[in-house]
Each structure stands twice: as structure tokens, then as C-alpha cells.
Amino acid sequence: MINNDHIPRVLVRDGSEDKLTNIDSCEVVMGDVTDQSTVMGTINGCEVVIYNIGIIRQFPKRWITFEKLHFESAKKVIRATEESGLKRFIMMSANGVKPNGTGYQKTKWLAEQLLKSTDLKWTIFRPSLIFGDPGSRNCQEFCTQLKENMLGLPFPAPIFYKGLNPFNAGDFAMSPIHVKDVAKFFVQSISMENTHRKIYELGGAETVKWNFLLNRITS
């Protein structure tokens, strides 16, 4: 966004500001997305709202749940956008969302349905597994993302292929996409009217199965 002459105003929870790059080129608002006044103050004067909040693991005792962050918080931001008079809204969803899926998939789907019911000029992106620069961590970036986003869960994502059965995990297929490519789609869509009220599924150039991917990494 910065390279395309946009000035991002970023709502950041306390303690996470060190994760921002090019922080001097951003307007940083410290606060909680569940606070309506903070949300209103953040979007006031902006030209577009990009909702890019998501978690892959819940911590109910800390009130960190799919329902709260994927749906309820999205609802607050969508309603605040409507109240502000701002029309352009871009949402980061996920590939495979559905009403009868996992808690992650269902709450992402509900947020999509809510946004689609509005008169906003919305665009929804559903990326596959996103990988990219791990920042300060001295790890290979793709392997790092794979471990954190898929293998580090209580139940690794690949075993959900054809139901909860580890013997099916090798047939799990994905089309990984680099974070820079995802960012390009977001930025380009900001001013493209032909992307209004449309959903785009994003994936990389190559679709690979889990067994093939692991064999490639180990080799």
C-alpha cells in the first residue's frame, strides 16, 4: 500500500506494534477492535476499510474465539463503516468457508454473509495457505508458516481432509500463495470498480498434495 502512495491507518492491539514494518509511513491507532468508539475513530476520514483480522486457534479463557474475532468484530466494523458513510470495504476471508464447516470456516462464512447483505461496495478475498517473510525469525519462511498455520494446531489441518482421519492426510491438496501476491490483489482492488460485490479465491500457480509437499521439503 505504501509503495502505491496509500497511507495505511492501522488498528493495532497493545503490544503488537513491533510487528509492523515501515511503521513511520503508517498512522498507528492502538486499541481493541471490539471497542466501537475505537473502530469509528480509526475509519473516520479513510477512503477504504480493509478487514484483515483472523485467528487459527481459540483461547476461550482469554476471550479469543472465532465467534468474537471473525464474526462479532467484523460486524462492528461493518456497521461502523455504514454509519460513517464510507462505502468501500475489503474483507480477508479464507478458502473453503462454509456454513456447516469447522468453527473457523463457519464464522468466516457468517462474516461474508453479513457483508454481502449490505449496500457497501465490498470485495471479498479467499486465499489459500499464505506464506511469506517470517521477519526476524531465522527460519525458512515456507516451512515456518506451514508449521504455525497447519501443523501447530491441536489437530493438524491436513487430517480434516475427508473427515477426521489421519490416513487421508496425504491426499490433502493446497495452492500456497505468497503474501506479496495477496497484498497486490488487495491494493489493486481498492480503485477497481469491477471488483465491487465480488468474491475472489486466491491461490498460487501450483496445486500440490500433502505427501508431495513434505517430500519436496525433506529433499
C-alpha atoms as a PDB file:
ATOM      1  CA  MET A   1       0.000   0.000   0.000  1.00  0.00           C
ATOM      2  CA  ILE A   2       2.775   2.396   0.908  1.00  0.00           C
ATOM      3  CA  ASN A   3       4.529   1.757  -2.400  1.00  0.00           C
ATOM      4  CA  ASN A   4       1.310   2.751  -4.167  1.00  0.00           C
ATOM      5  CA  ASP A   5       1.069   6.099  -2.359  1.00  0.00           C
ATOM      6  CA  HIS A   6      -1.516   4.973   0.183  1.00  0.00           C
ATOM      7  CA  ILE A   7      -1.172   5.925   3.837  1.00  0.00           C
ATOM      8  CA  PRO A   8      -2.394   2.975   5.920  1.00  0.00           C
ATOM      9  CA  ARG A   9      -4.120   3.708   9.198  1.00  0.00           C
ATOM     10  CA  VAL A  10      -3.673   0.539  11.203  1.00  0.00           C
ATOM     11  CA  LEU A  11      -5.635  -0.510  14.279  1.00  0.00           C
ATOM     12  CA  VAL A  12      -3.171  -2.480  16.398  1.00  0.00           C
ATOM     13  CA  ARG A  13      -3.704  -4.186  19.728  1.00  0.00           C
ATOM     14  CA  ASP A  14      -1.380  -3.087  22.512  1.00  0.00           C
ATOM     15  CA  GLY A  15       1.942  -4.906  22.389  1.00  0.00           C
ATOM     16  CA  SER A  16       1.795  -5.801  18.699  1.00  0.00           C
ATOM     17  CA  GLU A  17       3.130  -2.574  17.232  1.00  0.00           C
ATOM     18  CA  ASP A  18       6.609  -4.084  16.889  1.00  0.00           C
ATOM     19  CA  LYS A  19       5.215  -6.440  14.240  1.00  0.00           C
ATOM     20  CA  LEU A  20       4.577  -3.553  11.855  1.00  0.00           C
ATOM     21  CA  THR A  21       7.085  -2.818   9.126  1.00  0.00           C
ATOM     22  CA  ASN A  22       7.529   0.724   7.761  1.00  0.00           C
ATOM     23  CA  ILE A  23       5.776   1.991  10.863  1.00  0.00           C
ATOM     24  CA  ASP A  24       6.905   5.558  10.138  1.00  0.00           C
ATOM     25  CA  SER A  25       4.828   5.501   6.947  1.00  0.00           C
ATOM     26  CA  CYS A  26       1.653   4.412   8.752  1.00  0.00           C
ATOM     27  CA  GLU A  27      -0.853   6.026  11.067  1.00  0.00           C
ATOM     28  CA  VAL A  28      -0.993   3.666  14.031  1.00  0.00           C
ATOM     29  CA  VAL A  29      -4.041   3.529  16.293  1.00  0.00           C
ATOM     30  CA  MET A  30      -3.626   1.485  19.461  1.00  0.00           C
ATOM     31  CA  GLY A  31      -6.815  -0.159  20.600  1.00  0.00           C
ATOM     32  CA  ASP A  32      -9.241  -3.061  20.517  1.00  0.00           C
ATOM     33  CA  VAL A  33     -11.401  -3.923  17.515  1.00  0.00           C
ATOM     34  CA  THR A  34     -14.230  -4.852  19.888  1.00  0.00           C
ATOM     35  CA  ASP A  35     -14.484  -1.226  21.062  1.00  0.00           C
ATOM     36  CA  GLN A  36     -16.929   0.622  18.808  1.00  0.00           C
ATOM     37  CA  SER A  37     -15.599   4.109  19.517  1.00  0.00           C
ATOM     38  CA  THR A  38     -12.060   2.993  18.679  1.00  0.00           C
ATOM     39  CA  VAL A  39     -13.250   1.478  15.416  1.00  0.00           C
ATOM     40  CA  MET A  40     -15.154   4.644  14.485  1.00  0.00           C
ATOM     41  CA  GLY A  41     -12.144   6.798  15.267  1.00  0.00           C
ATOM     42  CA  THR A  42      -9.914   4.573  13.165  1.00  0.00           C
ATOM     43  CA  ILE A  43     -12.007   4.596   9.994  1.00  0.00           C
ATOM     44  CA  ASN A  44     -13.045   8.252  10.201  1.00  0.00           C
ATOM     45  CA  GLY A  45     -11.603  10.088   7.207  1.00  0.00           C
ATOM     46  CA  CYS A  46     -10.433   6.948   5.422  1.00  0.00           C
ATOM     47  CA  GLU A  47     -11.263   6.016   1.840  1.00  0.00           C
ATOM     48  CA  VAL A  48     -11.440   2.253   2.268  1.00  0.00           C
ATOM     49  CA  VAL A  49     -11.737  -0.229   5.134  1.00  0.00           C
ATOM     50  CA  ILE A  50      -9.755  -3.470   4.952  1.00  0.00           C
ATOM     51  CA  TYR A  51     -10.796  -6.099   7.491  1.00  0.00           C
ATOM     52  CA  ASN A  52      -7.849  -8.431   7.906  1.00  0.00           C
ATOM     53  CA  ILE A  53      -8.399  -9.951  11.335  1.00  0.00           C
ATOM     54  CA  GLY A  54      -8.273 -13.691  11.812  1.00  0.00           C
ATOM     55  CA  ILE A  55      -7.080 -16.394  14.185  1.00  0.00           C
ATOM     56  CA  ILE A  56      -6.424 -20.088  13.624  1.00  0.00           C
ATOM     57  CA  ARG A  57      -6.651 -21.137  17.264  1.00  0.00           C
ATOM     58  CA  GLN A  58      -9.062 -20.181  20.043  1.00  0.00           C
ATOM     59  CA  PHE A  59      -8.273 -19.273  23.651  1.00  0.00           C
ATOM     60  CA  PRO A  60     -11.748 -19.076  25.249  1.00  0.00           C
ATOM     61  CA  LYS A  61     -10.423 -18.271  28.735  1.00  0.00           C
ATOM     62  CA  ARG A  62      -8.846 -15.136  27.245  1.00  0.00           C
ATOM     63  CA  TRP A  63     -11.996 -14.352  25.228  1.00  0.00           C
ATOM     64  CA  ILE A  64     -10.147 -15.075  21.991  1.00  0.00           C
ATOM     65  CA  THR A  65     -12.635 -17.024  19.887  1.00  0.00           C
ATOM     66  CA  PHE A  66     -13.585 -17.451  16.249  1.00  0.00           C
ATOM     67  CA  GLU A  67     -17.054 -16.081  17.004  1.00  0.00           C
ATOM     68  CA  LYS A  68     -15.695 -12.931  18.614  1.00  0.00           C
ATOM     69  CA  LEU A  69     -12.980 -12.029  16.110  1.00  0.00           C
ATOM     70  CA  HIS A  70     -14.205 -13.461  12.825  1.00  0.00           C
ATOM     71  CA  PHE A  71     -17.861 -12.521  13.141  1.00  0.00           C
ATOM     72  CA  GLU A  72     -18.755 -10.201  16.037  1.00  0.00           C
ATOM     73  CA  SER A  73     -15.785  -7.881  15.467  1.00  0.00           C
ATOM     74  CA  ALA A  74     -16.360  -7.918  11.716  1.00  0.00           C
ATOM     75  CA  LYS A  75     -19.960  -6.960  12.402  1.00  0.00           C
ATOM     76  CA  LYS A  76     -18.841  -3.975  14.494  1.00  0.00           C
ATOM     77  CA  VAL A  77     -16.502  -2.763  11.753  1.00  0.00           C
ATOM     78  CA  ILE A  78     -19.099  -3.243   9.020  1.00  0.00           C
ATOM     79  CA  ARG A  79     -21.756  -1.342  10.992  1.00  0.00           C
ATOM     80  CA  ALA A  80     -19.275   1.426  11.809  1.00  0.00           C
ATOM     81  CA  THR A  81     -18.407   1.703   8.123  1.00  0.00           C
ATOM     82  CA  GLU A  82     -22.079   2.076   7.244  1.00  0.00           C
ATOM     83  CA  GLU A  83     -22.600   4.713   9.933  1.00  0.00           C
ATOM     84  CA  SER A  84     -19.578   6.695   8.769  1.00  0.00           C
ATOM     85  CA  GLY A  85     -20.868   6.975   5.218  1.00  0.00           C
ATOM     86  CA  LEU A  86     -17.798   5.218   3.844  1.00  0.00           C
ATOM     87  CA  LYS A  87     -18.654   2.799   1.041  1.00  0.00           C
ATOM     88  CA  ARG A  88     -15.566   0.780   0.112  1.00  0.00           C
ATOM     89  CA  PHE A  89     -14.923  -2.358   2.183  1.00  0.00           C
ATOM     90  CA  ILE A  90     -12.453  -5.180   1.504  1.00  0.00           C
ATOM     91  CA  MET A  91     -12.515  -8.354   3.582  1.00  0.00           C
ATOM     92  CA  MET A  92      -9.905 -11.053   4.058  1.00  0.00           C
ATOM     93  CA  SER A  93     -11.800 -14.322   4.308  1.00  0.00           C
ATOM     94  CA  ALA A  94     -10.451 -17.827   3.689  1.00  0.00           C
ATOM     95  CA  ASN A  95     -10.625 -20.593   1.142  1.00  0.00           C
ATOM     96  CA  GLY A  96     -13.170 -23.282   1.987  1.00  0.00           C
ATOM     97  CA  VAL A  97     -15.566 -21.242   4.145  1.00  0.00           C
ATOM     98  CA  LYS A  98     -18.997 -22.835   4.547  1.00  0.00           C
ATOM     99  CA  PRO A  99     -22.000 -22.731   6.893  1.00  0.00           C
ATOM    100  CA  ASN A 100     -21.602 -26.300   8.151  1.00  0.00           C
ATOM    101  CA  GLY A 101     -17.818 -26.441   8.452  1.00  0.00           C
ATOM    102  CA  THR A 102     -15.436 -26.015  11.358  1.00  0.00           C
ATOM    103  CA  GLY A 103     -15.785 -23.113  13.775  1.00  0.00           C
ATOM    104  CA  TYR A 104     -13.157 -21.252  11.764  1.00  0.00           C
ATOM    105  CA  GLN A 105     -14.924 -21.850   8.450  1.00  0.00           C
ATOM    106  CA  LYS A 106     -18.416 -21.125   9.759  1.00  0.00           C
ATOM    107  CA  THR A 107     -17.578 -17.810  11.423  1.00  0.00           C
ATOM    108  CA  LYS A 108     -15.688 -16.619   8.342  1.00  0.00           C
ATOM    109  CA  TRP A 109     -18.725 -17.589   6.256  1.00  0.00           C
ATOM    110  CA  LEU A 110     -21.086 -15.703   8.574  1.00  0.00           C
ATOM    111  CA  ALA A 111     -18.973 -12.553   8.245  1.00  0.00           C
ATOM    112  CA  GLU A 112     -19.147 -12.868   4.469  1.00  0.00           C
ATOM    113  CA  GLN A 113     -22.933 -13.231   4.546  1.00  0.00           C
ATOM    114  CA  LEU A 114     -23.287 -10.140   6.702  1.00  0.00           C
ATOM    115  CA  LEU A 115     -21.085  -8.060   4.413  1.00  0.00           C
ATOM    116  CA  LYS A 116     -22.892  -9.292   1.298  1.00  0.00           C
ATOM    117  CA  SER A 117     -26.228  -8.185   2.779  1.00  0.00           C
ATOM    118  CA  THR A 118     -25.115  -4.538   2.951  1.00  0.00           C
ATOM    119  CA  ASP A 119     -25.107  -1.778   0.340  1.00  0.00           C
ATOM    120  CA  LEU A 120     -21.351  -1.320   0.716  1.00  0.00           C
ATOM    121  CA  LYS A 121     -19.032  -1.626  -2.267  1.00  0.00           C
ATOM    122  CA  TRP A 122     -17.429  -4.759  -0.925  1.00  0.00           C
ATOM    123  CA  THR A 123     -14.829  -7.192  -2.205  1.00  0.00           C
ATOM    124  CA  ILE A 124     -14.028 -10.497  -0.510  1.00  0.00           C
ATOM    125  CA  PHE A 125     -10.783 -12.406  -0.944  1.00  0.00           C
ATOM    126  CA  ARG A 126     -10.479 -16.084  -0.024  1.00  0.00           C
ATOM    127  CA  PRO A 127      -6.782 -17.009  -0.059  1.00  0.00           C
ATOM    128  CA  SER A 128      -5.316 -20.461   0.264  1.00  0.00           C
ATOM    129  CA  LEU A 129      -2.376 -21.028   2.627  1.00  0.00           C
ATOM    130  CA  ILE A 130      -0.380 -17.784   2.714  1.00  0.00           C
ATOM    131  CA  PHE A 131       3.378 -17.860   3.131  1.00  0.00           C
ATOM    132  CA  GLY A 132       5.991 -15.127   3.219  1.00  0.00           C
ATOM    133  CA  ASP A 133       8.885 -13.486   5.001  1.00  0.00           C
ATOM    134  CA  PRO A 134       8.979 -14.585   8.667  1.00  0.00           C
ATOM    135  CA  GLY A 135      10.692 -11.338   9.656  1.00  0.00           C
ATOM    136  CA  SER A 136      13.289 -11.611  12.386  1.00  0.00           C
ATOM    137  CA  ARG A 137      12.959 -15.366  12.839  1.00  0.00           C
ATOM    138  CA  ASN A 138      15.899 -17.329  11.471  1.00  0.00           C
ATOM    139  CA  CYS A 139      13.788 -19.973   9.766  1.00  0.00           C
ATOM    140  CA  GLN A 140      12.902 -20.933   6.229  1.00  0.00           C
ATOM    141  CA  GLU A 141       9.775 -18.937   5.574  1.00  0.00           C
ATOM    142  CA  PHE A 142       7.506 -21.536   3.955  1.00  0.00           C
ATOM    143  CA  CYS A 143       8.331 -24.259   6.470  1.00  0.00           C
ATOM    144  CA  THR A 144       7.737 -21.789   9.293  1.00  0.00           C
ATOM    145  CA  GLN A 145       4.295 -20.820   8.011  1.00  0.00           C
ATOM    146  CA  LEU A 146       3.369 -24.431   7.367  1.00  0.00           C
ATOM    147  CA  LYS A 147       4.223 -25.404  10.935  1.00  0.00           C
ATOM    148  CA  GLU A 148       2.446 -22.469  12.580  1.00  0.00           C
ATOM    149  CA  ASN A 149      -0.658 -22.323  10.392  1.00  0.00           C
ATOM    150  CA  MET A 150      -1.288 -26.014   9.818  1.00  0.00           C
ATOM    151  CA  LEU A 151       0.805 -28.384  11.924  1.00  0.00           C
ATOM    152  CA  GLY A 152       0.981 -26.419  15.165  1.00  0.00           C
ATOM    153  CA  LEU A 153      -2.742 -26.765  15.846  1.00  0.00           C
ATOM    154  CA  PRO A 154      -4.217 -29.260  18.335  1.00  0.00           C
ATOM    155  CA  PHE A 155      -5.480 -31.158  15.273  1.00  0.00           C
ATOM    156  CA  PRO A 156      -3.248 -30.519  12.233  1.00  0.00           C
ATOM    157  CA  ALA A 157      -5.265 -29.138   9.319  1.00  0.00           C
ATOM    158  CA  PRO A 158      -4.460 -31.901   6.784  1.00  0.00           C
ATOM    159  CA  ILE A 159      -6.208 -34.615   8.789  1.00  0.00           C
ATOM    160  CA  PHE A 160      -9.556 -32.891   8.185  1.00  0.00           C
ATOM    161  CA  TYR A 161      -9.416 -33.949   4.539  1.00  0.00           C
ATOM    162  CA  LYS A 162     -12.387 -36.342   4.039  1.00  0.00           C
ATOM    163  CA  GLY A 163     -13.156 -36.214   7.720  1.00  0.00           C
ATOM    164  CA  LEU A 164     -11.072 -36.656  10.840  1.00  0.00           C
ATOM    165  CA  ASN A 165      -8.863 -39.443   9.519  1.00  0.00           C
ATOM    166  CA  PRO A 166      -5.054 -39.294   9.565  1.00  0.00           C
ATOM    167  CA  PHE A 167      -4.855 -41.939   6.828  1.00  0.00           C
ATOM    168  CA  ASN A 168      -6.358 -39.442   4.361  1.00  0.00           C
ATOM    169  CA  ALA A 169      -3.908 -36.657   5.185  1.00  0.00           C
ATOM    170  CA  GLY A 170      -1.573 -37.413   2.286  1.00  0.00           C
ATOM    171  CA  ASP A 171      -4.287 -36.521  -0.241  1.00  0.00           C
ATOM    172  CA  PHE A 172      -4.853 -33.070   1.246  1.00  0.00           C
ATOM    173  CA  ALA A 173      -4.245 -30.529  -1.560  1.00  0.00           C
ATOM    174  CA  MET A 174      -3.424 -26.843  -1.413  1.00  0.00           C
ATOM    175  CA  SER A 175      -2.264 -23.981  -3.629  1.00  0.00           C
ATOM    176  CA  PRO A 176       0.062 -21.873  -1.435  1.00  0.00           C
ATOM    177  CA  ILE A 177       0.240 -18.189  -2.333  1.00  0.00           C
ATOM    178  CA  HIS A 178       2.885 -15.652  -1.331  1.00  0.00           C
ATOM    179  CA  VAL A 179       1.820 -12.817   0.953  1.00  0.00           C
ATOM    180  CA  LYS A 180       3.146 -10.224  -1.514  1.00  0.00           C
ATOM    181  CA  ASP A 181       0.825 -11.562  -4.209  1.00  0.00           C
ATOM    182  CA  VAL A 182      -2.127 -11.363  -1.827  1.00  0.00           C
ATOM    183  CA  ALA A 183      -1.179  -7.789  -0.938  1.00  0.00           C
ATOM    184  CA  LYS A 184      -1.073  -6.857  -4.630  1.00  0.00           C
ATOM    185  CA  PHE A 185      -4.616  -8.123  -5.140  1.00  0.00           C
ATOM    186  CA  PHE A 186      -5.845  -6.103  -2.172  1.00  0.00           C
ATOM    187  CA  VAL A 187      -4.149  -2.889  -3.269  1.00  0.00           C
ATOM    188  CA  GLN A 188      -5.176  -3.192  -6.912  1.00  0.00           C
ATOM    189  CA  SER A 189      -8.805  -3.798  -5.970  1.00  0.00           C
ATOM    190  CA  ILE A 190      -9.081  -0.599  -3.944  1.00  0.00           C
ATOM    191  CA  SER A 191      -9.774   1.536  -7.010  1.00  0.00           C
ATOM    192  CA  MET A 192     -11.117  -1.127  -9.382  1.00  0.00           C
ATOM    193  CA  GLU A 193     -14.888  -0.760  -9.629  1.00  0.00           C
ATOM    194  CA  ASN A 194     -15.222  -4.073 -11.453  1.00  0.00           C
ATOM    195  CA  THR A 195     -14.203  -5.846  -8.232  1.00  0.00           C
ATOM    196  CA  HIS A 196     -17.164  -4.443  -6.303  1.00  0.00           C
ATOM    197  CA  ARG A 197     -19.538  -7.017  -4.828  1.00  0.00           C
ATOM    198  CA  LYS A 198     -17.394  -9.925  -5.972  1.00  0.00           C
ATOM    199  CA  ILE A 199     -15.600 -12.813  -4.257  1.00  0.00           C
ATOM    200  CA  TYR A 200     -12.161 -13.968  -5.368  1.00  0.00           C
ATOM    201  CA  GLU A 201     -10.468 -17.211  -4.391  1.00  0.00           C
ATOM    202  CA  LEU A 202      -6.689 -16.792  -4.360  1.00  0.00           C
ATOM    203  CA  GLY A 203      -4.116 -19.497  -4.839  1.00  0.00           C
ATOM    204  CA  GLY A 204      -0.648 -19.981  -6.184  1.00  0.00           C
ATOM    205  CA  ALA A 205       0.346 -21.273  -9.601  1.00  0.00           C
ATOM    206  CA  GLU A 206       0.787 -24.841  -8.388  1.00  0.00           C
ATOM    207  CA  THR A 207      -1.608 -27.186  -6.587  1.00  0.00           C
ATOM    208  CA  VAL A 208       0.201 -29.811  -4.548  1.00  0.00           C
ATOM    209  CA  LYS A 209      -0.777 -32.709  -2.331  1.00  0.00           C
ATOM    210  CA  TRP A 210       0.464 -33.040   1.216  1.00  0.00           C
ATOM    211  CA  ASN A 211       2.688 -36.058   0.557  1.00  0.00           C
ATOM    212  CA  PHE A 212       4.336 -34.344  -2.407  1.00  0.00           C
ATOM    213  CA  LEU A 213       4.890 -31.168  -0.398  1.00  0.00           C
ATOM    214  CA  LEU A 214       6.540 -32.971   2.516  1.00  0.00           C
ATOM    215  CA  ASN A 215       8.742 -34.965   0.170  1.00  0.00           C
ATOM    216  CA  ARG A 216       9.858 -31.780  -1.564  1.00  0.00           C
ATOM    217  CA  ILE A 217      10.678 -30.060   1.737  1.00  0.00           C
ATOM    218  CA  THR A 218      12.634 -33.002   3.113  1.00  0.00           C
ATOM    219  CA  SER A 219      14.606 -33.381  -0.111  1.00  0.00           C
END
